[in-house]
Protein backbone atom coordinates (compact mmCIF):
# COMPACT_ATOMS: atom_id res chain seq x y z
CA UNK A 1 -82.93 25.64 80.71
CA UNK A 2 -81.00 25.76 77.47
CA UNK A 3 -78.29 28.14 76.89
CA UNK A 4 -77.71 29.54 73.36
CA UNK A 5 -74.47 30.55 72.36
CA UNK A 6 -74.26 33.24 69.63
CA UNK A 7 -72.41 31.98 66.56
CA UNK A 8 -71.23 33.22 63.30
CA UNK A 9 -71.35 31.58 59.97
CA UNK A 10 -68.40 29.33 59.06
CA UNK A 11 -66.88 30.20 55.47
CA UNK A 12 -67.51 27.29 53.19
CA UNK A 13 -63.92 26.67 52.50
CA UNK A 14 -63.23 26.68 56.32
CA UNK A 15 -65.74 24.14 56.91
CA UNK A 16 -64.37 21.92 54.31
CA UNK A 17 -61.00 22.16 55.79
CA UNK A 18 -62.20 21.42 59.23
CA UNK A 19 -64.16 18.67 58.16
CA UNK A 20 -61.10 17.00 56.59
CA UNK A 21 -58.86 17.90 59.58
CA UNK A 22 -61.37 16.35 61.85
CA UNK A 23 -61.10 12.80 59.92
CA UNK A 24 -57.35 13.16 60.08
CA UNK A 25 -57.38 13.90 63.95
CA UNK A 26 -59.66 10.95 64.41
CA UNK A 27 -57.33 8.38 62.39
CA UNK A 28 -55.98 5.50 64.43
CA UNK A 29 -55.63 2.96 61.68
CA UNK A 30 -52.62 1.39 60.10
CA UNK A 31 -49.99 3.94 59.29
CA UNK A 32 -51.52 6.50 61.57
CA UNK A 33 -48.90 8.63 63.37
CA UNK A 34 -49.64 10.50 66.61
CA UNK A 35 -47.81 13.57 65.59
CA UNK A 36 -50.14 13.70 62.34
CA UNK A 37 -53.11 13.48 64.67
CA UNK A 38 -51.79 16.53 66.89
CA UNK A 39 -50.95 18.56 63.80
CA UNK A 40 -54.45 18.20 62.65
CA UNK A 41 -55.81 19.04 65.94
CA UNK A 42 -53.56 22.26 66.14
CA UNK A 43 -54.68 23.52 62.76
CA UNK A 44 -58.23 22.90 63.77
CA UNK A 45 -57.75 24.82 66.93
CA UNK A 46 -56.19 27.75 64.85
CA UNK A 47 -59.23 27.78 62.55
CA UNK A 48 -61.78 27.42 65.30
CA UNK A 49 -60.30 30.22 67.48
CA UNK A 50 -62.97 32.85 66.60
CA UNK A 51 -65.28 35.10 68.43
CA UNK A 52 -68.16 34.65 68.36
CA UNK A 53 -67.41 30.77 67.40
CA UNK A 54 -68.54 28.94 64.59
CA UNK A 55 -71.31 26.36 64.84
CA UNK A 56 -70.11 22.76 65.40
CA UNK A 57 -68.10 21.40 62.34
CA UNK A 58 -68.92 18.48 60.35
CA UNK A 59 -67.38 15.44 61.99
CA UNK A 60 -69.15 12.65 59.69
CA UNK A 61 -66.33 12.05 57.32
CA UNK A 62 -64.66 8.80 57.77
CA UNK A 63 -61.30 8.84 59.75
CA UNK A 64 -58.40 9.12 57.15
CA UNK A 65 -54.72 9.70 57.64
CA UNK A 66 -53.44 13.34 57.44
CA UNK A 67 -51.32 12.42 54.57
CA UNK A 68 -54.42 11.50 52.40
CA UNK A 69 -56.67 14.47 53.56
CA UNK A 70 -53.83 17.12 53.34
CA UNK A 71 -54.32 18.06 49.76
CA UNK A 72 -58.06 18.66 50.39
CA UNK A 73 -57.21 20.82 53.41
CA UNK A 74 -54.39 22.63 51.70
CA UNK A 75 -56.69 23.48 48.64
CA UNK A 76 -59.53 24.74 50.70
CA UNK A 77 -57.16 26.96 52.94
CA UNK A 78 -55.46 28.34 49.98
CA UNK A 79 -58.92 29.31 48.55
CA UNK A 80 -59.85 30.93 51.76
CA UNK A 81 -56.56 33.08 52.00
CA UNK A 82 -57.18 34.25 48.57
CA UNK A 83 -60.81 35.34 49.33
CA UNK A 84 -61.67 38.81 50.06
CA UNK A 85 -61.98 38.54 53.79
CA UNK A 86 -60.90 40.47 56.76
CA UNK A 87 -56.96 40.77 57.20
CA UNK A 88 -57.12 39.09 60.76
CA UNK A 89 -59.13 36.20 59.41
CA UNK A 90 -56.84 35.54 56.41
CA UNK A 91 -53.77 35.72 58.58
CA UNK A 92 -55.31 33.17 60.85
CA UNK A 93 -55.96 30.84 58.02
CA UNK A 94 -52.60 31.43 56.37
CA UNK A 95 -50.91 30.71 59.92
CA UNK A 96 -53.02 27.39 59.96
CA UNK A 97 -51.88 26.53 56.30
CA UNK A 98 -48.37 27.08 57.32
CA UNK A 99 -48.50 24.82 60.42
CA UNK A 100 -50.13 22.13 58.17
CA UNK A 101 -47.26 22.52 55.65
CA UNK A 102 -44.68 22.27 58.54
CA UNK A 103 -46.17 18.93 59.52
CA UNK A 104 -44.86 17.44 56.37
CA UNK A 105 -41.20 18.74 56.55
């Protein structure tokens, strides 16, 4: 018996940010740092903590270091914060953006 979970559509900019974060979370190559992988995972968790959940995210991007994907993630999250969405959603995205920025301090 298959169980179907109800999902909600994922905003395009959140989907883009999650795809890049997934690439950073999986990166174990040269120059890769564990704290960057953990930071990428933390930001992913913040973005995906919604009810009902989003469908599975795109994990097809090749693994890349967080420092290389950060500009893409930051751009997508800044666009999402500026979008006309529910305040709770915008706050969650802004908190995720702040967490990502702190990873580079």
